[in-house]
Full PDB file with SEQRES, HELIX, SHEET, SSBOND, CRYST1, ORIGX, SCALE, CONECT and MASTER records, all heavy atoms in Angstrom:
SEQRES   1 A   36  LEU ILE GLU ASN PRO SER THR TYR PHE GLU PHE ASN SER          
SEQRES   2 A   36  SER ALA MET SER GLU THR ASP PHE ILE SER GLU LEU VAL          
SEQRES   3 A   36  LYS ARG THR GLY CYS GLY LEU LEU LEU ASP                      
HELIX    1 AA1 GLU A   18  THR A   29  1                                  12    
SHEET    1 AA1 2 ILE A   2  GLU A   3  0                                        
SHEET    2 AA1 2 LEU A  33  LEU A  34  1                                        
CRYST1    1.000    1.000    1.000  90.00  90.00  90.00 P 1           1          
ORIGX1      1.000000  0.000000  0.000000        0.00000                         
ORIGX2      0.000000  1.000000  0.000000        0.00000                         
ORIGX3      0.000000  0.000000  1.000000        0.00000                         
SCALE1      1.000000  0.000000  0.000000        0.00000                         
SCALE2      0.000000  1.000000  0.000000        0.00000                         
SCALE3      0.000000  0.000000  1.000000        0.00000                         
ATOM      1  N   LEU A   1     115.366 115.398  87.272  1.00  0.00           N  
ATOM      2  CA  LEU A   1     116.742 115.153  86.876  1.00  0.00           C  
ATOM      3  C   LEU A   1     117.467 114.439  88.007  1.00  0.00           C  
ATOM      4  O   LEU A   1     117.278 114.766  89.177  1.00  0.00           O  
ATOM      5  CB  LEU A   1     117.469 116.464  86.562  1.00  0.00           C  
ATOM      6  CG  LEU A   1     116.783 117.446  85.609  1.00  0.00           C  
ATOM      7  CD1 LEU A   1     117.721 118.611  85.307  1.00  0.00           C  
ATOM      8  CD2 LEU A   1     116.331 116.757  84.331  1.00  0.00           C  
ATOM      9  N   ILE A   2     118.304 113.477  87.657  1.00  0.00           N  
ATOM     10  CA  ILE A   2     119.096 112.737  88.631  1.00  0.00           C  
ATOM     11  C   ILE A   2     120.575 113.093  88.438  1.00  0.00           C  
ATOM     12  O   ILE A   2     121.091 113.047  87.321  1.00  0.00           O  
ATOM     13  CB  ILE A   2     118.903 111.220  88.491  1.00  0.00           C  
ATOM     14  CG1 ILE A   2     117.420 110.869  88.700  1.00  0.00           C  
ATOM     15  CG2 ILE A   2     119.783 110.475  89.483  1.00  0.00           C  
ATOM     16  CD1 ILE A   2     116.878 111.211  90.073  1.00  0.00           C  
ATOM     17  N   GLU A   3     121.243 113.415  89.538  1.00  0.00           N  
ATOM     18  CA  GLU A   3     122.646 113.836  89.497  1.00  0.00           C  
ATOM     19  C   GLU A   3     123.583 112.648  89.706  1.00  0.00           C  
ATOM     20  O   GLU A   3     123.379 111.822  90.607  1.00  0.00           O  
ATOM     21  CB  GLU A   3     122.905 114.887  90.580  1.00  0.00           C  
ATOM     22  CG  GLU A   3     124.347 115.349  90.643  1.00  0.00           C  
ATOM     23  CD  GLU A   3     124.592 116.355  91.746  1.00  0.00           C  
ATOM     24  OE1 GLU A   3     123.655 117.097  92.111  1.00  0.00           O  
ATOM     25  OE2 GLU A   3     125.731 116.398  92.245  1.00  0.00           O  
ATOM     26  N   ASN A   4     124.628 112.580  88.873  1.00  0.00           N  
ATOM     27  CA  ASN A   4     125.676 111.571  89.059  1.00  0.00           C  
ATOM     28  C   ASN A   4     126.410 111.818  90.372  1.00  0.00           C  
ATOM     29  O   ASN A   4     126.609 112.966  90.779  1.00  0.00           O  
ATOM     30  CB  ASN A   4     126.666 111.601  87.896  1.00  0.00           C  
ATOM     31  CG  ASN A   4     127.278 112.984  87.697  1.00  0.00           C  
ATOM     32  OD1 ASN A   4     126.575 113.934  87.357  1.00  0.00           O  
ATOM     33  ND2 ASN A   4     128.579 113.106  87.911  1.00  0.00           N  
ATOM     34  N   PRO A   5     126.829 110.770  91.067  1.00  0.00           N  
ATOM     35  CA  PRO A   5     127.402 110.939  92.407  1.00  0.00           C  
ATOM     36  C   PRO A   5     128.901 111.237  92.389  1.00  0.00           C  
ATOM     37  O   PRO A   5     129.596 111.021  91.384  1.00  0.00           O  
ATOM     38  CB  PRO A   5     127.151 109.574  93.056  1.00  0.00           C  
ATOM     39  CG  PRO A   5     127.266 108.613  91.909  1.00  0.00           C  
ATOM     40  CD  PRO A   5     126.654 109.342  90.723  1.00  0.00           C  
ATOM     41  N   SER A   6     129.394 111.743  93.512  1.00  0.00           N  
ATOM     42  CA  SER A   6     130.830 111.753  93.790  1.00  0.00           C  
ATOM     43  C   SER A   6     131.102 110.594  94.746  1.00  0.00           C  
ATOM     44  O   SER A   6     130.386 110.425  95.734  1.00  0.00           O  
ATOM     45  CB  SER A   6     131.268 113.084  94.413  1.00  0.00           C  
ATOM     46  OG  SER A   6     130.531 113.354  95.592  1.00  0.00           O  
ATOM     47  N   THR A   7     132.109 109.764  94.445  1.00  0.00           N  
ATOM     48  CA  THR A   7     132.346 108.556  95.240  1.00  0.00           C  
ATOM     49  C   THR A   7     133.819 108.435  95.641  1.00  0.00           C  
ATOM     50  O   THR A   7     134.709 108.970  94.974  1.00  0.00           O  
ATOM     51  CB  THR A   7     131.931 107.285  94.467  1.00  0.00           C  
ATOM     52  OG1 THR A   7     132.658 107.223  93.230  1.00  0.00           O  
ATOM     53  CG2 THR A   7     130.438 107.306  94.173  1.00  0.00           C  
ATOM     54  N   TYR A   8     134.024 107.704  96.730  1.00  0.00           N  
ATOM     55  CA  TYR A   8     135.360 107.567  97.308  1.00  0.00           C  
ATOM     56  C   TYR A   8     135.772 106.101  97.451  1.00  0.00           C  
ATOM     57  O   TYR A   8     136.901 105.804  97.785  1.00  0.00           O  
ATOM     58  CB  TYR A   8     135.398 108.265  98.674  1.00  0.00           C  
ATOM     59  CG  TYR A   8     134.839 109.665  98.577  1.00  0.00           C  
ATOM     60  CD1 TYR A   8     133.490 109.923  98.878  1.00  0.00           C  
ATOM     61  CD2 TYR A   8     135.610 110.712  98.109  1.00  0.00           C  
ATOM     62  CE1 TYR A   8     132.955 111.194  98.744  1.00  0.00           C  
ATOM     63  CE2 TYR A   8     135.089 111.996  97.975  1.00  0.00           C  
ATOM     64  CZ  TYR A   8     133.770 112.222  98.292  1.00  0.00           C  
ATOM     65  OH  TYR A   8     133.241 113.479  98.140  1.00  0.00           O  
ATOM     66  N   PHE A   9     134.836 105.199  97.213  1.00  0.00           N  
ATOM     67  CA  PHE A   9     135.116 103.766  97.202  1.00  0.00           C  
ATOM     68  C   PHE A   9     134.112 103.110  96.273  1.00  0.00           C  
ATOM     69  O   PHE A   9     133.122 103.727  95.861  1.00  0.00           O  
ATOM     70  CB  PHE A   9     135.027 103.153  98.612  1.00  0.00           C  
ATOM     71  CG  PHE A   9     133.662 103.260  99.243  1.00  0.00           C  
ATOM     72  CD1 PHE A   9     132.697 102.280  99.020  1.00  0.00           C  
ATOM     73  CD2 PHE A   9     133.340 104.327 100.073  1.00  0.00           C  
ATOM     74  CE1 PHE A   9     131.441 102.373  99.590  1.00  0.00           C  
ATOM     75  CE2 PHE A   9     132.079 104.429 100.648  1.00  0.00           C  
ATOM     76  CZ  PHE A   9     131.135 103.446 100.408  1.00  0.00           C  
ATOM     77  N   GLU A  10     134.338 101.846  95.949  1.00  0.00           N  
ATOM     78  CA  GLU A  10     133.442 101.105  95.073  1.00  0.00           C  
ATOM     79  C   GLU A  10     133.039  99.790  95.747  1.00  0.00           C  
ATOM     80  O   GLU A  10     133.791  99.241  96.551  1.00  0.00           O  
ATOM     81  CB  GLU A  10     134.115 100.834  93.728  1.00  0.00           C  
ATOM     82  CG  GLU A  10     134.421 102.113  92.953  1.00  0.00           C  
ATOM     83  CD  GLU A  10     135.180 101.844  91.668  1.00  0.00           C  
ATOM     84  OE1 GLU A  10     136.312 101.330  91.737  1.00  0.00           O  
ATOM     85  OE2 GLU A  10     134.638 102.156  90.590  1.00  0.00           O  
ATOM     86  N   PHE A  11     131.844  99.307  95.405  1.00  0.00           N  
ATOM     87  CA  PHE A  11     131.327  98.077  95.998  1.00  0.00           C  
ATOM     88  C   PHE A  11     131.800  96.859  95.201  1.00  0.00           C  
ATOM     89  O   PHE A  11     131.721  96.848  93.960  1.00  0.00           O  
ATOM     90  CB  PHE A  11     129.800  98.089  96.006  1.00  0.00           C  
ATOM     91  CG  PHE A  11     129.197  99.083  96.955  1.00  0.00           C  
ATOM     92  CD1 PHE A  11     128.882 100.363  96.528  1.00  0.00           C  
ATOM     93  CD2 PHE A  11     128.945  98.738  98.278  1.00  0.00           C  
ATOM     94  CE1 PHE A  11     128.315 101.288  97.393  1.00  0.00           C  
ATOM     95  CE2 PHE A  11     128.378  99.652  99.154  1.00  0.00           C  
ATOM     96  CZ  PHE A  11     128.068 100.936  98.716  1.00  0.00           C  
ATOM     97  N   ASN A  12     132.254  95.827  95.910  1.00  0.00           N  
ATOM     98  CA  ASN A  12     132.616  94.580  95.235  1.00  0.00           C  
ATOM     99  C   ASN A  12     131.411  93.930  94.564  1.00  0.00           C  
ATOM    100  O   ASN A  12     131.557  93.184  93.593  1.00  0.00           O  
ATOM    101  CB  ASN A  12     133.233  93.597  96.235  1.00  0.00           C  
ATOM    102  CG  ASN A  12     134.610  94.040  96.713  1.00  0.00           C  
ATOM    103  OD1 ASN A  12     135.347  94.705  95.985  1.00  0.00           O  
ATOM    104  ND2 ASN A  12     134.957  93.672  97.939  1.00  0.00           N  
ATOM    105  N   SER A  13     130.218  94.242  95.069  1.00  0.00           N  
ATOM    106  CA  SER A  13     129.008  93.622  94.540  1.00  0.00           C  
ATOM    107  C   SER A  13     128.524  94.254  93.229  1.00  0.00           C  
ATOM    108  O   SER A  13     127.628  93.712  92.576  1.00  0.00           O  
ATOM    109  CB  SER A  13     127.881  93.691  95.575  1.00  0.00           C  
ATOM    110  OG  SER A  13     127.606  95.040  95.918  1.00  0.00           O  
ATOM    111  N   SER A  14     129.076  95.414  92.856  1.00  0.00           N  
ATOM    112  CA  SER A  14     128.623  96.089  91.633  1.00  0.00           C  
ATOM    113  C   SER A  14     128.823  95.191  90.423  1.00  0.00           C  
ATOM    114  O   SER A  14     129.889  94.613  90.233  1.00  0.00           O  
ATOM    115  CB  SER A  14     129.367  97.406  91.444  1.00  0.00           C  
ATOM    116  OG  SER A  14     128.964  98.362  92.401  1.00  0.00           O  
ATOM    117  N   ALA A  15     127.764  95.105  89.600  1.00  0.00           N  
ATOM    118  CA  ALA A  15     127.800  94.228  88.430  1.00  0.00           C  
ATOM    119  C   ALA A  15     127.825  95.008  87.122  1.00  0.00           C  
ATOM    120  O   ALA A  15     127.828  94.406  86.045  1.00  0.00           O  
ATOM    121  CB  ALA A  15     126.594  93.292  88.445  1.00  0.00           C  
ATOM    122  N   MET A  16     127.812  96.333  87.204  1.00  0.00           N  
ATOM    123  CA  MET A  16     127.857  97.167  85.996  1.00  0.00           C  
ATOM    124  C   MET A  16     128.579  98.461  86.329  1.00  0.00           C  
ATOM    125  O   MET A  16     128.756  98.815  87.499  1.00  0.00           O  
ATOM    126  CB  MET A  16     126.453  97.429  85.464  1.00  0.00           C  
ATOM    127  CG  MET A  16     125.543  98.192  86.389  1.00  0.00           C  
ATOM    128  SD  MET A  16     123.820  98.312  85.781  1.00  0.00           S  
ATOM    129  CE  MET A  16     123.135  96.784  86.463  1.00  0.00           C  
ATOM    130  N   SER A  17     128.995  99.177  85.299  1.00  0.00           N  
ATOM    131  CA  SER A  17     129.667 100.454  85.506  1.00  0.00           C  
ATOM    132  C   SER A  17     128.653 101.518  85.916  1.00  0.00           C  
ATOM    133  O   SER A  17     127.437 101.355  85.732  1.00  0.00           O  
ATOM    134  CB  SER A  17     130.384 100.886  84.228  1.00  0.00           C  
ATOM    135  OG  SER A  17     129.434 101.229  83.223  1.00  0.00           O  
ATOM    136  N   GLU A  18     129.158 102.614  86.467  1.00  0.00           N  
ATOM    137  CA  GLU A  18     128.276 103.711  86.854  1.00  0.00           C  
ATOM    138  C   GLU A  18     127.529 104.279  85.656  1.00  0.00           C  
ATOM    139  O   GLU A  18     126.319 104.541  85.730  1.00  0.00           O  
ATOM    140  CB  GLU A  18     129.087 104.812  87.532  1.00  0.00           C  
ATOM    141  CG  GLU A  18     128.257 106.005  87.990  1.00  0.00           C  
ATOM    142  CD  GLU A  18     129.064 106.975  88.821  1.00  0.00           C  
ATOM    143  OE1 GLU A  18     129.465 106.580  89.942  1.00  0.00           O  
ATOM    144  OE2 GLU A  18     129.314 108.109  88.358  1.00  0.00           O  
ATOM    145  N   THR A  19     128.227 104.451  84.543  1.00  0.00           N  
ATOM    146  CA  THR A  19     127.573 105.025  83.360  1.00  0.00           C  
ATOM    147  C   THR A  19     126.523 104.074  82.785  1.00  0.00           C  
ATOM    148  O   THR A  19     125.470 104.521  82.329  1.00  0.00           O  
ATOM    149  CB  THR A  19     128.613 105.384  82.294  1.00  0.00           C  
ATOM    150  OG1 THR A  19     129.465 104.262  82.046  1.00  0.00           O  
ATOM    151  CG2 THR A  19     129.460 106.571  82.733  1.00  0.00           C  
ATOM    152  N   ASP A  20     126.766 102.773  82.820  1.00  0.00           N  
ATOM    153  CA  ASP A  20     125.752 101.817  82.358  1.00  0.00           C  
ATOM    154  C   ASP A  20     124.542 101.820  83.292  1.00  0.00           C  
ATOM    155  O   ASP A  20     123.389 101.719  82.841  1.00  0.00           O  
ATOM    156  CB  ASP A  20     126.336 100.400  82.285  1.00  0.00           C  
ATOM    157  CG  ASP A  20     127.265 100.208  81.096  1.00  0.00           C  
ATOM    158  OD1 ASP A  20     127.239 101.060  80.183  1.00  0.00           O  
ATOM    159  OD2 ASP A  20     128.017  99.215  81.083  1.00  0.00           O  
ATOM    160  N   PHE A  21     124.803 101.923  84.590  1.00  0.00           N  
ATOM    161  CA  PHE A  21     123.732 101.968  85.590  1.00  0.00           C  
ATOM    162  C   PHE A  21     122.846 103.189  85.347  1.00  0.00           C  
ATOM    163  O   PHE A  21     121.611 103.096  85.331  1.00  0.00           O  
ATOM    164  CB  PHE A  21     124.370 102.023  86.982  1.00  0.00           C  
ATOM    165  CG  PHE A  21     123.411 101.911  88.135  1.00  0.00           C  
ATOM    166  CD1 PHE A  21     123.053 100.683  88.651  1.00  0.00           C  
ATOM    167  CD2 PHE A  21     122.889 103.057  88.727  1.00  0.00           C  
ATOM    168  CE1 PHE A  21     122.179 100.576  89.734  1.00  0.00           C  
ATOM    169  CE2 PHE A  21     122.024 102.970  89.806  1.00  0.00           C  
ATOM    170  CZ  PHE A  21     121.669 101.725  90.310  1.00  0.00           C  
ATOM    171  N   ILE A  22     123.469 104.349  85.135  1.00  0.00           N  
ATOM    172  CA  ILE A  22     122.726 105.583  84.903  1.00  0.00           C  
ATOM    173  C   ILE A  22     121.986 105.522  83.571  1.00  0.00           C  
ATOM    174  O   ILE A  22     120.836 105.973  83.461  1.00  0.00           O  
ATOM    175  CB  ILE A  22     123.677 106.794  84.973  1.00  0.00           C  
ATOM    176  CG1 ILE A  22     124.206 106.955  86.404  1.00  0.00           C  
ATOM    177  CG2 ILE A  22     122.973 108.067  84.517  1.00  0.00           C  
ATOM    178  CD1 ILE A  22     125.268 108.018  86.563  1.00  0.00           C  
ATOM    179  N   SER A  23     122.609 104.974  82.560  1.00  0.00           N  
ATOM    180  CA  SER A  23     121.957 104.841  81.257  1.00  0.00           C  
ATOM    181  C   SER A  23     120.694 103.997  81.362  1.00  0.00           C  
ATOM    182  O   SER A  23     119.649 104.316  80.770  1.00  0.00           O  
ATOM    183  CB  SER A  23     122.914 104.209  80.240  1.00  0.00           C  
ATOM    184  OG  SER A  23     124.022 105.048  79.985  1.00  0.00           O  
ATOM    185  N   GLU A  24     120.769 102.918  82.114  1.00  0.00           N  
ATOM    186  CA  GLU A  24     119.607 102.044  82.276  1.00  0.00           C  
ATOM    187  C   GLU A  24     118.516 102.739  83.083  1.00  0.00           C  
ATOM    188  O   GLU A  24     117.322 102.563  82.806  1.00  0.00           O  
ATOM    189  CB  GLU A  24     120.035 100.741  82.952  1.00  0.00           C  
ATOM    190  CG  GLU A  24     119.019  99.622  82.869  1.00  0.00           C  
ATOM    191  CD  GLU A  24     118.723  99.174  81.439  1.00  0.00           C  
ATOM    192  OE1 GLU A  24     119.599  99.342  80.563  1.00  0.00           O  
ATOM    193  OE2 GLU A  24     117.605  98.668  81.211  1.00  0.00           O  
ATOM    194  N   LEU A  25     118.903 103.554  84.072  1.00  0.00           N  
ATOM    195  CA  LEU A  25     117.932 104.333  84.849  1.00  0.00           C  
ATOM    196  C   LEU A  25     117.144 105.270  83.934  1.00  0.00           C  
ATOM    197  O   LEU A  25     115.917 105.361  84.022  1.00  0.00           O  
ATOM    198  CB  LEU A  25     118.664 105.138  85.928  1.00  0.00           C  
ATOM    199  CG  LEU A  25     117.820 106.147  86.708  1.00  0.00           C  
ATOM    200  CD1 LEU A  25     116.779 105.440  87.558  1.00  0.00           C  
ATOM    201  CD2 LEU A  25     118.719 107.033  87.571  1.00  0.00           C  
ATOM    202  N   VAL A  26     117.841 105.960  83.043  1.00  0.00           N  
ATOM    203  CA  VAL A  26     117.183 106.869  82.096  1.00  0.00           C  
ATOM    204  C   VAL A  26     116.235 106.100  81.191  1.00  0.00           C  
ATOM    205  O   VAL A  26     115.091 106.514  80.951  1.00  0.00           O  
ATOM    206  CB  VAL A  26     118.234 107.626  81.267  1.00  0.00           C  
ATOM    207  CG1 VAL A  26     117.580 108.395  80.127  1.00  0.00           C  
ATOM    208  CG2 VAL A  26     119.047 108.560  82.151  1.00  0.00           C  
ATOM    209  N   LYS A  27     116.706 104.967  80.690  1.00  0.00           N  
ATOM    210  CA  LYS A  27     115.909 104.159  79.764  1.00  0.00           C  
ATOM    211  C   LYS A  27     114.627 103.677  80.418  1.00  0.00           C  
ATOM    212  O   LYS A  27     113.546 103.692  79.794  1.00  0.00           O  
ATOM    213  CB  LYS A  27     116.740 102.975  79.279  1.00  0.00           C  
ATOM    214  CG  LYS A  27     116.022 102.035  78.335  1.00  0.00           C  
ATOM    215  CD  LYS A  27     116.932 100.878  77.934  1.00  0.00           C  
ATOM    216  CE  LYS A  27     116.214  99.870  77.049  1.00  0.00           C  
ATOM    217  NZ  LYS A  27     117.097  98.722  76.683  1.00  0.00           N  
ATOM    218  N   ARG A  28     114.699 103.251  81.673  1.00  0.00           N  
ATOM    219  CA  ARG A  28     113.535 102.642  82.329  1.00  0.00           C  
ATOM    220  C   ARG A  28     112.542 103.665  82.884  1.00  0.00           C  
ATOM    221  O   ARG A  28     111.350 103.348  83.017  1.00  0.00           O  
ATOM    222  CB  ARG A  28     113.999 101.718  83.462  1.00  0.00           C  
ATOM    223  CG  ARG A  28     114.814 100.536  82.998  1.00  0.00           C  
ATOM    224  CD  ARG A  28     115.090  99.576  84.149  1.00  0.00           C  
ATOM    225  NE  ARG A  28     116.070  98.552  83.784  1.00  0.00           N  
ATOM    226  CZ  ARG A  28     116.418  97.541  84.565  1.00  0.00           C  
ATOM    227  NH1 ARG A  28     115.861  97.412  85.766  1.00  0.00           N  
ATOM    228  NH2 ARG A  28     117.331  96.660  84.164  1.00  0.00           N  
ATOM    229  N   THR A  29     113.012 104.857  83.252  1.00  0.00           N  
ATOM    230  CA  THR A  29     112.140 105.814  83.942  1.00  0.00           C  
ATOM    231  C   THR A  29     111.815 107.052  83.117  1.00  0.00           C  
ATOM    232  O   THR A  29     110.852 107.759  83.432  1.00  0.00           O  
ATOM    233  CB  THR A  29     112.776 106.295  85.264  1.00  0.00           C  
ATOM    234  OG1 THR A  29     113.944 107.075  84.961  1.00  0.00           O  
ATOM    235  CG2 THR A  29     113.149 105.121  86.151  1.00  0.00           C  
ATOM    236  N   GLY A  30     112.609 107.355  82.090  1.00  0.00           N  
ATOM    237  CA  GLY A  30     112.402 108.590  81.345  1.00  0.00           C  
ATOM    238  C   GLY A  30     112.879 109.825  82.081  1.00  0.00           C  
ATOM    239  O   GLY A  30     112.576 110.952  81.677  1.00  0.00           O  
ATOM    240  N   CYS A  31     113.626 109.660  83.180  1.00  0.00           N  
ATOM    241  CA  CYS A  31     114.157 110.813  83.896  1.00  0.00           C  
ATOM    242  C   CYS A  31     115.218 111.512  83.052  1.00  0.00           C  
ATOM    243  O   CYS A  31     115.778 110.934  82.115  1.00  0.00           O  
ATOM    244  CB  CYS A  31     114.751 110.406  85.243  1.00  0.00           C  
ATOM    245  SG  CYS A  31     116.309 109.468  85.132  1.00  0.00           S  
ATOM    246  N   GLY A  32     115.483 112.771  83.357  1.00  0.00           N  
ATOM    247  CA  GLY A  32     116.612 113.471  82.778  1.00  0.00           C  
ATOM    248  C   GLY A  32     117.805 113.370  83.715  1.00  0.00           C  
ATOM    249  O   GLY A  32     117.718 112.775  84.794  1.00  0.00           O  
ATOM    250  N   LEU A  33     118.919 113.975  83.306  1.00  0.00           N  
ATOM    251  CA  LEU A  33     120.132 113.915  84.110  1.00  0.00           C  
ATOM    252  C   LEU A  33     120.680 115.306  84.396  1.00  0.00           C  
ATOM    253  O   LEU A  33     120.601 116.210  83.561  1.00  0.00           O  
ATOM    254  CB  LEU A  33     121.214 113.093  83.402  1.00  0.00           C  
ATOM    255  CG  LEU A  33     120.895 111.617  83.181  1.00  0.00           C  
ATOM    256  CD1 LEU A  33     122.016 110.957  82.392  1.00  0.00           C  
ATOM    257  CD2 LEU A  33     120.661 110.889  84.504  1.00  0.00           C  
ATOM    258  N   LEU A  34     121.204 115.448  85.595  1.00  0.00           N  
ATOM    259  CA  LEU A  34     121.976 116.616  85.983  1.00  0.00           C  
ATOM    260  C   LEU A  34     123.427 116.156  86.017  1.00  0.00           C  
ATOM    261  O   LEU A  34     123.802 115.345  86.868  1.00  0.00           O  
ATOM    262  CB  LEU A  34     121.527 117.130  87.349  1.00  0.00           C  
ATOM    263  CG  LEU A  34     122.012 118.511  87.800  1.00  0.00           C  
ATOM    264  CD1 LEU A  34     121.233 118.957  89.037  1.00  0.00           C  
ATOM    265  CD2 LEU A  34     123.495 118.549  88.105  1.00  0.00           C  
ATOM    266  N   LEU A  35     124.228 116.649  85.091  1.00  0.00           N  
ATOM    267  CA  LEU A  35     125.638 116.253  85.019  1.00  0.00           C  
ATOM    268  C   LEU A  35     126.456 117.172  85.914  1.00  0.00           C  
ATOM    269  O   LEU A  35     126.647 118.348  85.602  1.00  0.00           O  
ATOM    270  CB  LEU A  35     126.142 116.320  83.582  1.00  0.00           C  
ATOM    271  CG  LEU A  35     127.645 116.058  83.388  1.00  0.00           C  
ATOM    272  CD1 LEU A  35     128.028 114.655  83.841  1.00  0.00           C  
ATOM    273  CD2 LEU A  35     128.051 116.297  81.938  1.00  0.00           C  
ATOM    274  N   ASP A  36     126.925 116.658  87.037  1.00  0.00           N  
ATOM    275  CA  ASP A  36     127.820 117.411  87.906  1.00  0.00           C  
ATOM    276  C   ASP A  36     129.247 117.133  87.458  1.00  0.00           C  
ATOM    277  O   ASP A  36     129.783 116.051  87.703  1.00  0.00           O  
ATOM    278  CB  ASP A  36     127.616 117.018  89.367  1.00  0.00           C  
ATOM    279  CG  ASP A  36     128.337 117.960  90.321  1.00  0.00           C  
ATOM    280  OD1 ASP A  36     129.542 118.201  90.111  1.00  0.00           O  
ATOM    281  OD2 ASP A  36     127.704 118.456  91.266  1.00  0.00           O  
TER     282      ASP A  36                                                      
MASTER        0    0    0    1    2    0    0    6  281    1    0    3          
END                                                                             
């Protein structure tokens, strides 16, 4: 299971939202999620 992060700033280089990034991680690896 992969846990969603707690963050205090965002990167200008980010090209997708956090939820889209996590969704794609699940799709590609089959991992589960730990929702904090």
